[in-house]
Amino acid sequence: MSNKYDDIINLPHHVSKTRPQMSMHDRAAQFSPFSALTGYDAAIKETGRRTEKRIEPDEDELQILNMKLKLLIDNIDEEPEVTFTYFKPDERKSGGKYVEVFGVVKKADEFNRLIVMQGGEKIKMDDVVEISFSDMSFLYGKE
């Protein structure tokens, strides 16, 4: 009984003399799935990313923060080490996160309401929710 492919079934496999043979990895890549919706995975991850809501301090907390800030500004030449906890708004969606920064304040710009740390970090005074001093000895002067 004769099959319709008998004339070609035993022919040797063709290998090009002018083109290099494709690696197994590259051949497999031809058949791998592709993303038809570019950026879809990133959009899903961004939607699922959680942010925190901003908590507004009450009057008493604001008064304490203002007193600590004034104390810091009045003694900025003493270079006290300070930890700021502040709200950093998210650039892409509503909300943000609370960040802690430790260091020495380089400058306090009361007009623009900015605190500039020696490391270059800029903090908006209105975003600060806590100020902690590492050491209060700066109040007594350097010895």
Protein backbone atom coordinates (compact mmCIF):
# COMPACT_ATOMS: atom_id res chain seq x y z
CA MET A 1 0.00 0.00 0.00
CA SER A 2 1.39 3.34 -0.99
CA ASN A 3 1.09 6.57 1.08
CA LYS A 4 1.01 10.00 -0.50
CA TYR A 5 4.23 11.04 1.33
CA ASP A 6 6.39 8.06 0.42
CA ASP A 7 8.39 10.14 -2.05
CA ILE A 8 9.64 12.61 0.61
CA ILE A 9 9.54 10.65 3.86
CA ASN A 10 13.14 9.43 3.73
CA LEU A 11 14.80 12.56 2.37
CA PRO A 12 17.53 14.13 4.57
CA HIS A 13 16.64 17.22 6.67
CA HIS A 14 17.60 20.46 4.89
CA VAL A 15 20.34 22.53 6.57
CA SER A 16 21.10 25.96 5.13
CA LYS A 17 24.63 26.64 4.00
CA THR A 18 24.21 30.45 4.14
CA ARG A 19 22.28 31.02 7.37
CA PRO A 20 23.32 29.92 10.86
CA GLN A 21 21.13 27.38 12.59
CA MET A 22 18.76 28.82 15.19
CA SER A 23 19.40 27.84 18.80
CA MET A 24 16.84 25.72 20.65
CA HIS A 25 16.17 28.67 22.99
CA ASP A 26 15.39 31.00 20.08
CA ARG A 27 13.21 28.39 18.39
CA ALA A 28 11.22 27.91 21.60
CA ALA A 29 10.79 31.69 21.97
CA GLN A 30 8.84 31.76 18.70
CA PHE A 31 6.07 29.78 20.35
CA SER A 32 6.03 31.48 23.77
CA PRO A 33 2.99 33.55 24.75
CA PHE A 34 3.08 37.32 24.37
CA SER A 35 1.31 40.16 26.13
CA ALA A 36 -1.32 41.53 23.80
CA LEU A 37 -2.18 44.30 26.28
CA THR A 38 1.07 46.11 26.96
CA GLY A 39 1.11 47.60 30.44
CA TYR A 40 -1.95 45.67 31.65
CA ASP A 41 0.00 43.78 34.34
CA ALA A 42 1.52 47.03 35.64
CA ALA A 43 -1.93 48.66 35.77
CA ILE A 44 -3.32 45.74 37.76
CA LYS A 45 -0.41 45.89 40.23
CA GLU A 46 -0.83 49.67 40.60
CA THR A 47 -4.55 49.29 41.32
CA GLY A 48 -3.83 46.66 43.97
CA ARG A 49 -1.11 48.72 45.67
CA ARG A 50 -2.31 50.03 49.01
CA THR A 51 -1.90 53.55 50.31
CA GLU A 52 -2.63 55.02 53.72
CA LYS A 53 -5.07 57.81 54.43
CA ARG A 54 -3.72 61.05 55.80
CA ILE A 55 -4.57 61.55 59.47
CA GLU A 56 -5.12 65.16 60.48
CA PRO A 57 -3.70 66.01 63.94
CA ASP A 58 -6.07 67.63 66.44
CA GLU A 59 -5.52 71.10 67.97
CA ASP A 60 -3.44 69.82 70.91
CA GLU A 61 -1.16 67.78 68.66
CA LEU A 62 -0.72 70.76 66.32
CA GLN A 63 0.22 72.98 69.25
CA ILE A 64 2.86 70.47 70.45
CA LEU A 65 4.23 70.11 66.90
CA ASN A 66 4.48 73.90 66.54
CA MET A 67 6.32 74.18 69.87
CA LYS A 68 8.80 71.46 68.84
CA LEU A 69 9.28 73.10 65.45
CA LYS A 70 9.93 76.49 67.06
CA LEU A 71 12.40 74.88 69.47
CA LEU A 72 14.17 73.26 66.52
CA ILE A 73 14.31 76.50 64.49
CA ASP A 74 15.58 78.50 67.47
CA ASN A 75 18.40 75.97 68.03
CA ILE A 76 19.19 75.01 64.43
CA ASP A 77 22.82 76.21 64.80
CA GLU A 78 23.37 73.57 67.51
CA GLU A 79 22.64 70.88 64.86
CA PRO A 80 20.37 68.66 66.94
CA GLU A 81 19.63 65.16 65.64
CA VAL A 82 15.95 64.89 64.88
CA THR A 83 13.53 62.23 63.68
CA PHE A 84 10.61 63.48 61.59
CA THR A 85 7.56 61.37 60.87
CA TYR A 86 5.65 62.86 57.98
CA PHE A 87 3.01 62.00 55.41
CA LYS A 88 4.32 61.59 51.88
CA PRO A 89 1.48 61.81 49.33
CA ASP A 90 1.43 59.18 46.60
CA GLU A 91 2.24 60.52 43.14
CA ARG A 92 -0.20 58.25 41.31
CA LYS A 93 -3.25 57.78 43.48
CA SER A 94 -5.03 59.19 46.52
CA GLY A 95 -3.43 58.59 49.88
CA GLY A 96 0.24 58.01 50.55
CA LYS A 97 2.48 56.63 53.28
CA TYR A 98 4.08 57.74 56.52
CA VAL A 99 7.85 58.10 56.34
CA GLU A 100 10.47 58.53 59.07
CA VAL A 101 13.61 60.57 58.43
CA PHE A 102 16.47 60.82 60.90
CA GLY A 103 19.25 63.38 60.67
CA VAL A 104 20.34 66.95 61.19
CA VAL A 105 18.32 69.86 59.84
CA LYS A 106 20.29 72.07 57.46
CA LYS A 107 17.68 74.78 57.02
CA ALA A 108 14.11 75.63 57.97
CA ASP A 109 12.35 77.80 55.40
CA GLU A 110 9.39 79.24 57.29
CA PHE A 111 8.12 81.25 54.30
CA ASN A 112 7.81 78.18 52.04
CA ARG A 113 7.14 75.93 55.06
CA LEU A 114 9.96 73.53 54.19
CA ILE A 115 12.54 71.69 56.28
CA VAL A 116 15.76 70.81 54.46
CA MET A 117 17.86 68.02 55.94
CA GLN A 118 21.65 67.83 55.58
CA GLY A 119 21.16 64.76 53.38
CA GLY A 120 19.11 66.89 50.95
CA GLU A 121 15.66 65.57 51.87
CA LYS A 122 12.95 68.25 51.77
CA ILE A 123 10.00 67.90 54.11
CA LYS A 124 6.87 70.04 54.04
CA MET A 125 6.20 71.36 57.54
CA ASP A 126 2.47 70.83 57.06
CA ASP A 127 3.03 67.10 56.43
CA VAL A 128 4.94 66.50 59.69
CA VAL A 129 3.00 64.54 62.32
CA GLU A 130 5.81 63.87 64.84
CA ILE A 131 9.15 65.42 65.78
CA SER A 132 11.50 63.57 68.13
CA PHE A 133 14.83 64.86 69.38
CA SER A 134 17.60 62.31 69.99
CA ASP A 135 19.21 64.44 72.64
CA MET A 136 17.96 67.61 74.32
CA SER A 137 21.39 68.73 75.53
CA PHE A 138 21.49 71.35 72.76
CA LEU A 139 19.18 73.41 74.98
CA TYR A 140 21.97 73.85 77.50
CA GLY A 141 24.61 74.91 74.98
CA LYS A 142 27.74 73.13 73.85
CA GLU A 143 30.34 72.41 76.49
